[in-house]
Amino acid sequence: MPVRPKKALGQHFLADQGVARAIVDTLQAKGPVLEVGPGTGVLTQYLLQRPDTELKVVEVDSESVAYLLEHYPALGPGLYEADFLRMDLTKLFQGGFAIIGNFPYNISSQIFFKILDVRERVPEVVCMIQKEVAERLAAPPGSKTYGILSVLLQAWYDIEYRFAVGEGAFVPPPKVKSAVIRLTRGSRESLGCDETLFRRVVKTTFGQRRKTIRNSLKSILAERPSLPAFIPFLDARPEQLSVDDFIELTKSLE
């Protein structure tokens, strides 16, 4: 029985085998790999062919789980019927692991925030997401598409926009174009500032991106009456600031 794509789960199954193989070939990491949302196994089949890969998969759709168990019995106990966003990822592997998947577009941002929480364990991520989101994540400072997730992810990962995928590669075809990106963990081990405040500053400033940082951070500035006389970047707008600039700004507010 074929698996029925479910709109509620944002399912659009990749049917183009050439694209599937190209996505798997983009993954450089060896050893433990977690595939998110394998669906009918279009990536899984090629991942299982890699002799240097210890594969585990997590799928929330019970119909897809039954299909995977029937067609890819080699997955065995490495197949988890679970919600990725609710899993304790630190218990899946003893050490680090790469992540790969065709992420459901309606929850891709949540998936990235989940990955950030375990970034020490995840050296590489290869995923297909909505093309606009992929461009946003890889965008440099100064770009109109540069935003919250651009900064938060680029603080820890080098992000490469790899290739676009047209609507015709899927069943059913989505209404948006798709793209594949690769995230590779950078060398930064610490921000050197309060990470909670860093996230708050990034989210607050981009939440009012048409305002200068001085105006968007009024509430944070008011909480800190003994700040130094000079605080950098207050007259800039958030899209003008690099990750290092946001770190410097956060340090000034501590």
C-alpha atoms as a PDB file:
ATOM      1  CA  MET A   1       0.000   0.000   0.000  1.00  0.00           C
ATOM      2  CA  PRO A   2       1.435   3.410  -0.955  1.00  0.00           C
ATOM      3  CA  VAL A   3       1.588   6.064   1.763  1.00  0.00           C
ATOM      4  CA  ARG A   4      -0.923   8.879   1.422  1.00  0.00           C
ATOM      5  CA  PRO A   5       0.680  12.321   1.765  1.00  0.00           C
ATOM      6  CA  LYS A   6      -0.997  14.102   4.685  1.00  0.00           C
ATOM      7  CA  LYS A   7      -1.557  17.831   4.457  1.00  0.00           C
ATOM      8  CA  ALA A   8      -1.641  18.186   8.249  1.00  0.00           C
ATOM      9  CA  LEU A   9       1.930  16.861   8.401  1.00  0.00           C
ATOM     10  CA  GLY A  10       3.104  19.001   5.494  1.00  0.00           C
ATOM     11  CA  GLN A  11       4.014  15.882   3.507  1.00  0.00           C
ATOM     12  CA  HIS A  12       5.264  16.260  -0.055  1.00  0.00           C
ATOM     13  CA  PHE A  13       7.184  13.103  -0.930  1.00  0.00           C
ATOM     14  CA  LEU A  14      10.317  13.531  -3.019  1.00  0.00           C
ATOM     15  CA  ALA A  15       9.979  11.313  -6.090  1.00  0.00           C
ATOM     16  CA  ASP A  16      13.039  12.336  -8.100  1.00  0.00           C
ATOM     17  CA  GLN A  17      15.726   9.714  -7.459  1.00  0.00           C
ATOM     18  CA  GLY A  18      18.473  11.904  -8.910  1.00  0.00           C
ATOM     19  CA  VAL A  19      17.676  14.658  -6.423  1.00  0.00           C
ATOM     20  CA  ALA A  20      17.502  12.126  -3.583  1.00  0.00           C
ATOM     21  CA  ARG A  21      20.951  10.775  -4.380  1.00  0.00           C
ATOM     22  CA  ALA A  22      22.352  14.317  -4.716  1.00  0.00           C
ATOM     23  CA  ILE A  23      21.043  15.199  -1.251  1.00  0.00           C
ATOM     24  CA  VAL A  24      22.646  12.114   0.299  1.00  0.00           C
ATOM     25  CA  ASP A  25      25.895  12.757  -1.590  1.00  0.00           C
ATOM     26  CA  THR A  26      25.972  16.262  -0.072  1.00  0.00           C
ATOM     27  CA  LEU A  27      26.379  14.733   3.391  1.00  0.00           C
ATOM     28  CA  GLN A  28      30.087  14.527   4.173  1.00  0.00           C
ATOM     29  CA  ALA A  29      29.921  13.165   7.720  1.00  0.00           C
ATOM     30  CA  LYS A  30      30.686   9.533   8.460  1.00  0.00           C
ATOM     31  CA  GLY A  31      29.421   7.480  11.377  1.00  0.00           C
ATOM     32  CA  PRO A  32      26.130   8.179  13.192  1.00  0.00           C
ATOM     33  CA  VAL A  33      23.416   9.868  11.104  1.00  0.00           C
ATOM     34  CA  LEU A  34      19.854  10.744  12.055  1.00  0.00           C
ATOM     35  CA  GLU A  35      17.322  11.134   9.254  1.00  0.00           C
ATOM     36  CA  VAL A  36      14.344  13.327  10.121  1.00  0.00           C
ATOM     37  CA  GLY A  37      11.016  12.492   8.465  1.00  0.00           C
ATOM     38  CA  PRO A  38      12.064   9.728   6.056  1.00  0.00           C
ATOM     39  CA  GLY A  39       8.511   9.313   4.714  1.00  0.00           C
ATOM     40  CA  THR A  40       8.707   6.528   2.134  1.00  0.00           C
ATOM     41  CA  GLY A  41      12.487   6.193   2.370  1.00  0.00           C
ATOM     42  CA  VAL A  42      13.635   8.050  -0.738  1.00  0.00           C
ATOM     43  CA  LEU A  43      16.777   9.222   1.109  1.00  0.00           C
ATOM     44  CA  THR A  44      16.869   6.216   3.437  1.00  0.00           C
ATOM     45  CA  GLN A  45      17.577   3.772   0.606  1.00  0.00           C
ATOM     46  CA  TYR A  46      20.777   5.598  -0.326  1.00  0.00           C
ATOM     47  CA  LEU A  47      21.845   6.206   3.281  1.00  0.00           C
ATOM     48  CA  LEU A  48      21.581   2.460   3.950  1.00  0.00           C
ATOM     49  CA  GLN A  49      23.999   1.849   1.080  1.00  0.00           C
ATOM     50  CA  ARG A  50      26.742   3.850   2.812  1.00  0.00           C
ATOM     51  CA  PRO A  51      29.000   1.365   4.631  1.00  0.00           C
ATOM     52  CA  ASP A  52      30.404   4.064   6.931  1.00  0.00           C
ATOM     53  CA  THR A  53      27.002   5.250   8.202  1.00  0.00           C
ATOM     54  CA  GLU A  54      25.204   4.196  11.382  1.00  0.00           C
ATOM     55  CA  LEU A  55      21.676   5.234  10.437  1.00  0.00           C
ATOM     56  CA  LYS A  56      18.730   5.980  12.687  1.00  0.00           C
ATOM     57  CA  VAL A  57      15.477   7.560  11.494  1.00  0.00           C
ATOM     58  CA  VAL A  58      12.602   9.308  13.237  1.00  0.00           C
ATOM     59  CA  GLU A  59       9.139   9.449  11.664  1.00  0.00           C
ATOM     60  CA  VAL A  60       5.920  10.712  13.265  1.00  0.00           C
ATOM     61  CA  ASP A  61       3.512   9.247  10.674  1.00  0.00           C
ATOM     62  CA  SER A  62       2.459   5.695  11.600  1.00  0.00           C
ATOM     63  CA  GLU A  63       1.563   4.873   7.985  1.00  0.00           C
ATOM     64  CA  SER A  64       5.082   5.822   6.867  1.00  0.00           C
ATOM     65  CA  VAL A  65       6.569   3.802   9.739  1.00  0.00           C
ATOM     66  CA  ALA A  66       4.720   0.678   8.593  1.00  0.00           C
ATOM     67  CA  TYR A  67       5.916   1.260   5.026  1.00  0.00           C
ATOM     68  CA  LEU A  68       9.528   1.711   6.139  1.00  0.00           C
ATOM     69  CA  LEU A  69       9.474  -1.423   8.279  1.00  0.00           C
ATOM     70  CA  GLU A  70       8.175  -3.429   5.329  1.00  0.00           C
ATOM     71  CA  HIS A  71      10.523  -2.044   2.681  1.00  0.00           C
ATOM     72  CA  TYR A  72      13.651  -1.342   4.762  1.00  0.00           C
ATOM     73  CA  PRO A  73      13.830  -4.019   7.455  1.00  0.00           C
ATOM     74  CA  ALA A  74      17.533  -3.237   7.883  1.00  0.00           C
ATOM     75  CA  LEU A  75      16.457  -0.172   9.866  1.00  0.00           C
ATOM     76  CA  GLY A  76      15.285  -2.504  12.650  1.00  0.00           C
ATOM     77  CA  PRO A  77      15.440  -0.841  16.080  1.00  0.00           C
ATOM     78  CA  GLY A  78      16.963   2.243  14.494  1.00  0.00           C
ATOM     79  CA  LEU A  79      13.484   3.325  13.370  1.00  0.00           C
ATOM     80  CA  TYR A  80      11.739   5.565  15.893  1.00  0.00           C
ATOM     81  CA  GLU A  81       8.045   6.398  15.617  1.00  0.00           C
ATOM     82  CA  ALA A  82       8.173   9.747  17.368  1.00  0.00           C
ATOM     83  CA  ASP A  83       7.910  13.509  17.036  1.00  0.00           C
ATOM     84  CA  PHE A  84      11.403  14.855  16.395  1.00  0.00           C
ATOM     85  CA  LEU A  85      10.560  18.113  18.160  1.00  0.00           C
ATOM     86  CA  ARG A  86       9.731  16.236  21.371  1.00  0.00           C
ATOM     87  CA  MET A  87      12.620  13.757  21.374  1.00  0.00           C
ATOM     88  CA  ASP A  88      15.613  13.813  23.680  1.00  0.00           C
ATOM     89  CA  LEU A  89      18.201  13.739  20.916  1.00  0.00           C
ATOM     90  CA  THR A  90      21.099  13.264  23.326  1.00  0.00           C
ATOM     91  CA  LYS A  91      19.902   9.701  24.019  1.00  0.00           C
ATOM     92  CA  LEU A  92      19.933   8.517  20.395  1.00  0.00           C
ATOM     93  CA  PHE A  93      23.711   8.276  20.030  1.00  0.00           C
ATOM     94  CA  GLN A  94      26.536   8.188  22.564  1.00  0.00           C
ATOM     95  CA  GLY A  95      28.452  10.956  20.851  1.00  0.00           C
ATOM     96  CA  GLY A  96      28.011  13.284  17.919  1.00  0.00           C
ATOM     97  CA  PHE A  97      25.757  12.663  14.923  1.00  0.00           C
ATOM     98  CA  ALA A  98      24.865  14.324  11.643  1.00  0.00           C
ATOM     99  CA  ILE A  99      21.295  15.170  10.679  1.00  0.00           C
ATOM    100  CA  ILE A 100      19.753  14.818   7.232  1.00  0.00           C
ATOM    101  CA  GLY A 101      16.215  15.087   5.931  1.00  0.00           C
ATOM    102  CA  ASN A 102      13.582  16.637   3.758  1.00  0.00           C
ATOM    103  CA  PHE A 103      12.218  18.825   6.542  1.00  0.00           C
ATOM    104  CA  PRO A 104       8.457  19.529   6.617  1.00  0.00           C
ATOM    105  CA  TYR A 105       8.313  23.157   5.578  1.00  0.00           C
ATOM    106  CA  ASN A 106       5.694  24.108   8.163  1.00  0.00           C
ATOM    107  CA  ILE A 107       8.020  23.218  11.064  1.00  0.00           C
ATOM    108  CA  SER A 108      11.486  23.764   9.571  1.00  0.00           C
ATOM    109  CA  SER A 109      12.238  26.743  11.839  1.00  0.00           C
ATOM    110  CA  GLN A 110      11.310  24.701  14.913  1.00  0.00           C
ATOM    111  CA  ILE A 111      13.608  21.912  13.729  1.00  0.00           C
ATOM    112  CA  PHE A 112      16.521  24.346  13.463  1.00  0.00           C
ATOM    113  CA  PHE A 113      15.895  25.696  16.965  1.00  0.00           C
ATOM    114  CA  LYS A 114      15.883  22.090  18.206  1.00  0.00           C
ATOM    115  CA  ILE A 115      19.212  21.470  16.467  1.00  0.00           C
ATOM    116  CA  LEU A 116      20.685  24.599  18.044  1.00  0.00           C
ATOM    117  CA  ASP A 117      19.880  23.163  21.478  1.00  0.00           C
ATOM    118  CA  VAL A 118      22.169  20.169  20.769  1.00  0.00           C
ATOM    119  CA  ARG A 119      24.683  21.881  18.485  1.00  0.00           C
ATOM    120  CA  GLU A 120      27.637  20.434  20.439  1.00  0.00           C
ATOM    121  CA  ARG A 121      26.528  16.997  19.206  1.00  0.00           C
ATOM    122  CA  VAL A 122      25.684  17.922  15.604  1.00  0.00           C
ATOM    123  CA  PRO A 123      28.672  18.685  13.338  1.00  0.00           C
ATOM    124  CA  GLU A 124      26.704  18.686  10.074  1.00  0.00           C
ATOM    125  CA  VAL A 125      23.144  19.117   8.813  1.00  0.00           C
ATOM    126  CA  VAL A 126      22.007  18.493   5.241  1.00  0.00           C
ATOM    127  CA  CYS A 127      18.379  19.283   4.522  1.00  0.00           C
ATOM    128  CA  MET A 128      15.870  20.300   1.916  1.00  0.00           C
ATOM    129  CA  ILE A 129      13.610  23.179   2.920  1.00  0.00           C
ATOM    130  CA  GLN A 130      11.570  25.905   1.262  1.00  0.00           C
ATOM    131  CA  LYS A 131      13.805  27.847  -1.141  1.00  0.00           C
ATOM    132  CA  GLU A 132      13.043  31.224   0.433  1.00  0.00           C
ATOM    133  CA  VAL A 133      13.983  29.902   3.867  1.00  0.00           C
ATOM    134  CA  ALA A 134      17.196  28.361   2.524  1.00  0.00           C
ATOM    135  CA  GLU A 135      18.182  31.697   0.974  1.00  0.00           C
ATOM    136  CA  ARG A 136      17.381  33.463   4.243  1.00  0.00           C
ATOM    137  CA  LEU A 137      19.519  31.136   6.356  1.00  0.00           C
ATOM    138  CA  ALA A 138      22.515  31.497   4.046  1.00  0.00           C
ATOM    139  CA  ALA A 139      22.087  35.263   3.533  1.00  0.00           C
ATOM    140  CA  PRO A 140      24.968  37.572   4.530  1.00  0.00           C
ATOM    141  CA  PRO A 141      24.575  40.749   6.603  1.00  0.00           C
ATOM    142  CA  GLY A 142      23.101  43.573   4.573  1.00  0.00           C
ATOM    143  CA  SER A 143      20.707  41.309   2.701  1.00  0.00           C
ATOM    144  CA  LYS A 144      16.966  41.943   2.920  1.00  0.00           C
ATOM    145  CA  THR A 145      16.423  38.264   3.691  1.00  0.00           C
ATOM    146  CA  TYR A 146      18.978  38.185   6.550  1.00  0.00           C
ATOM    147  CA  GLY A 147      17.059  37.569   9.763  1.00  0.00           C
ATOM    148  CA  ILE A 148      16.763  35.900  13.155  1.00  0.00           C
ATOM    149  CA  LEU A 149      17.624  32.342  12.134  1.00  0.00           C
ATOM    150  CA  SER A 150      20.371  33.607   9.824  1.00  0.00           C
ATOM    151  CA  VAL A 151      22.191  35.098  12.828  1.00  0.00           C
ATOM    152  CA  LEU A 152      21.438  32.352  15.351  1.00  0.00           C
ATOM    153  CA  LEU A 153      22.531  29.558  12.998  1.00  0.00           C
ATOM    154  CA  GLN A 154      25.502  31.401  11.483  1.00  0.00           C
ATOM    155  CA  ALA A 155      26.808  31.979  15.007  1.00  0.00           C
ATOM    156  CA  TRP A 156      27.567  28.255  15.165  1.00  0.00           C
ATOM    157  CA  TYR A 157      27.462  26.888  11.596  1.00  0.00           C
ATOM    158  CA  ASP A 158      28.880  27.681   8.178  1.00  0.00           C
ATOM    159  CA  ILE A 159      25.880  27.561   5.836  1.00  0.00           C
ATOM    160  CA  GLU A 160      26.098  26.612   2.171  1.00  0.00           C
ATOM    161  CA  TYR A 161      23.226  26.988  -0.269  1.00  0.00           C
ATOM    162  CA  ARG A 162      23.714  23.904  -2.455  1.00  0.00           C
ATOM    163  CA  PHE A 163      21.014  23.643  -5.141  1.00  0.00           C
ATOM    164  CA  ALA A 164      17.362  24.373  -5.920  1.00  0.00           C
ATOM    165  CA  VAL A 165      14.684  21.732  -6.480  1.00  0.00           C
ATOM    166  CA  GLY A 166      11.593  22.345  -8.604  1.00  0.00           C
ATOM    167  CA  GLU A 167       8.016  21.554  -7.644  1.00  0.00           C
ATOM    168  CA  GLY A 168       7.815  18.675 -10.131  1.00  0.00           C
ATOM    169  CA  ALA A 169      10.225  16.563  -8.081  1.00  0.00           C
ATOM    170  CA  PHE A 170       7.517  15.926  -5.462  1.00  0.00           C
ATOM    171  CA  VAL A 171       4.231  14.066  -5.030  1.00  0.00           C
ATOM    172  CA  PRO A 172       2.074  16.052  -4.583  1.00  0.00           C
ATOM    173  CA  PRO A 173       3.912  19.085  -5.964  1.00  0.00           C
ATOM    174  CA  PRO A 174       4.239  21.850  -3.348  1.00  0.00           C
ATOM    175  CA  LYS A 175       3.231  25.416  -4.126  1.00  0.00           C
ATOM    176  CA  VAL A 176       6.742  26.665  -3.388  1.00  0.00           C
ATOM    177  CA  LYS A 177      10.207  25.929  -4.685  1.00  0.00           C
ATOM    178  CA  SER A 178      12.668  23.998  -2.549  1.00  0.00           C
ATOM    179  CA  ALA A 179      16.411  24.051  -1.972  1.00  0.00           C
ATOM    180  CA  VAL A 180      19.108  22.007  -0.280  1.00  0.00           C
ATOM    181  CA  ILE A 181      21.520  23.539   2.231  1.00  0.00           C
ATOM    182  CA  ARG A 182      24.405  22.184   4.267  1.00  0.00           C
ATOM    183  CA  LEU A 183      25.314  23.401   7.730  1.00  0.00           C
ATOM    184  CA  THR A 184      28.822  22.607   8.963  1.00  0.00           C
ATOM    185  CA  ARG A 185      29.734  23.314  12.572  1.00  0.00           C
ATOM    186  CA  GLY A 186      32.201  26.164  12.851  1.00  0.00           C
ATOM    187  CA  SER A 187      35.096  26.537  15.272  1.00  0.00           C
ATOM    188  CA  ARG A 188      33.309  28.805  17.746  1.00  0.00           C
ATOM    189  CA  GLU A 189      32.874  27.060  21.091  1.00  0.00           C
ATOM    190  CA  SER A 190      31.398  29.991  23.006  1.00  0.00           C
ATOM    191  CA  LEU A 191      29.812  33.312  22.138  1.00  0.00           C
ATOM    192  CA  GLY A 192      31.709  35.001  24.930  1.00  0.00           C
ATOM    193  CA  CYS A 193      28.507  36.692  26.054  1.00  0.00           C
ATOM    194  CA  ASP A 194      25.209  35.816  27.737  1.00  0.00           C
ATOM    195  CA  GLU A 195      23.599  33.523  25.147  1.00  0.00           C
ATOM    196  CA  THR A 196      20.061  34.083  26.465  1.00  0.00           C
ATOM    197  CA  LEU A 197      20.505  37.832  26.130  1.00  0.00           C
ATOM    198  CA  PHE A 198      22.107  37.360  22.699  1.00  0.00           C
ATOM    199  CA  ARG A 199      19.012  35.507  21.471  1.00  0.00           C
ATOM    200  CA  ARG A 200      16.741  38.127  22.991  1.00  0.00           C
ATOM    201  CA  VAL A 201      18.642  40.957  21.318  1.00  0.00           C
ATOM    202  CA  VAL A 202      18.564  39.232  17.920  1.00  0.00           C
ATOM    203  CA  LYS A 203      14.860  38.374  18.139  1.00  0.00           C
ATOM    204  CA  THR A 204      13.852  41.807  19.467  1.00  0.00           C
ATOM    205  CA  THR A 205      15.752  43.809  16.870  1.00  0.00           C
ATOM    206  CA  PHE A 206      14.602  41.751  13.897  1.00  0.00           C
ATOM    207  CA  GLY A 207      11.069  41.770  15.293  1.00  0.00           C
ATOM    208  CA  GLN A 208      11.150  45.523  14.572  1.00  0.00           C
ATOM    209  CA  ARG A 209      13.641  45.484  11.732  1.00  0.00           C
ATOM    210  CA  ARG A 210      12.512  48.820  10.249  1.00  0.00           C
ATOM    211  CA  LYS A 211      13.517  50.597  13.448  1.00  0.00           C
ATOM    212  CA  THR A 212      17.005  51.482  14.566  1.00  0.00           C
ATOM    213  CA  ILE A 213      18.426  49.193  17.216  1.00  0.00           C
ATOM    214  CA  ARG A 214      18.212  52.055  19.728  1.00  0.00           C
ATOM    215  CA  ASN A 215      14.426  52.159  19.312  1.00  0.00           C
ATOM    216  CA  SER A 216      13.801  48.420  19.140  1.00  0.00           C
ATOM    217  CA  LEU A 217      15.852  47.781  22.299  1.00  0.00           C
ATOM    218  CA  LYS A 218      14.195  50.488  24.430  1.00  0.00           C
ATOM    219  CA  SER A 219      12.813  47.943  26.908  1.00  0.00           C
ATOM    220  CA  ILE A 220      16.195  46.196  27.324  1.00  0.00           C
ATOM    221  CA  LEU A 221      18.019  49.522  27.674  1.00  0.00           C
ATOM    222  CA  ALA A 222      15.499  50.676  30.292  1.00  0.00           C
ATOM    223  CA  GLU A 223      16.197  47.554  32.353  1.00  0.00           C
ATOM    224  CA  ARG A 224      19.874  48.510  32.588  1.00  0.00           C
ATOM    225  CA  PRO A 225      20.279  52.059  33.990  1.00  0.00           C
ATOM    226  CA  SER A 226      24.025  51.683  34.624  1.00  0.00           C
ATOM    227  CA  LEU A 227      25.097  50.896  31.066  1.00  0.00           C
ATOM    228  CA  PRO A 228      28.309  52.378  29.663  1.00  0.00           C
ATOM    229  CA  ALA A 229      28.138  55.756  27.964  1.00  0.00           C
ATOM    230  CA  PHE A 230      28.873  54.253  24.560  1.00  0.00           C
ATOM    231  CA  ILE A 231      26.994  51.246  23.196  1.00  0.00           C
ATOM    232  CA  PRO A 232      27.882  50.269  19.621  1.00  0.00           C
ATOM    233  CA  PHE A 233      25.453  49.880  16.707  1.00  0.00           C
ATOM    234  CA  LEU A 234      22.471  51.637  18.310  1.00  0.00           C
ATOM    235  CA  ASP A 235      21.913  53.793  15.225  1.00  0.00           C
ATOM    236  CA  ALA A 236      22.119  50.835  12.822  1.00  0.00           C
ATOM    237  CA  ARG A 237      19.376  48.461  11.723  1.00  0.00           C
ATOM    238  CA  PRO A 238      19.625  44.756  12.549  1.00  0.00           C
ATOM    239  CA  GLU A 239      20.264  43.504   9.010  1.00  0.00           C
ATOM    240  CA  GLN A 240      23.472  45.593   8.952  1.00  0.00           C
ATOM    241  CA  LEU A 241      25.035  43.658  11.857  1.00  0.00           C
ATOM    242  CA  SER A 242      27.162  40.531  11.509  1.00  0.00           C
ATOM    243  CA  VAL A 243      27.163  37.749  14.093  1.00  0.00           C
ATOM    244  CA  ASP A 244      30.278  39.274  15.681  1.00  0.00           C
ATOM    245  CA  ASP A 245      28.554  42.661  15.799  1.00  0.00           C
ATOM    246  CA  PHE A 246      25.583  41.160  17.635  1.00  0.00           C
ATOM    247  CA  ILE A 247      27.982  39.530  20.092  1.00  0.00           C
ATOM    248  CA  GLU A 248      29.707  42.876  20.712  1.00  0.00           C
ATOM    249  CA  LEU A 249      26.333  44.583  21.164  1.00  0.00           C
ATOM    250  CA  THR A 250      25.215  41.924  23.644  1.00  0.00           C
ATOM    251  CA  LYS A 251      28.430  42.273  25.659  1.00  0.00           C
ATOM    252  CA  SER A 252      27.783  46.013  25.921  1.00  0.00           C
ATOM    253  CA  LEU A 253      24.319  45.323  27.365  1.00  0.00           C
ATOM    254  CA  GLU A 254      25.403  42.776  29.987  1.00  0.00           C
END
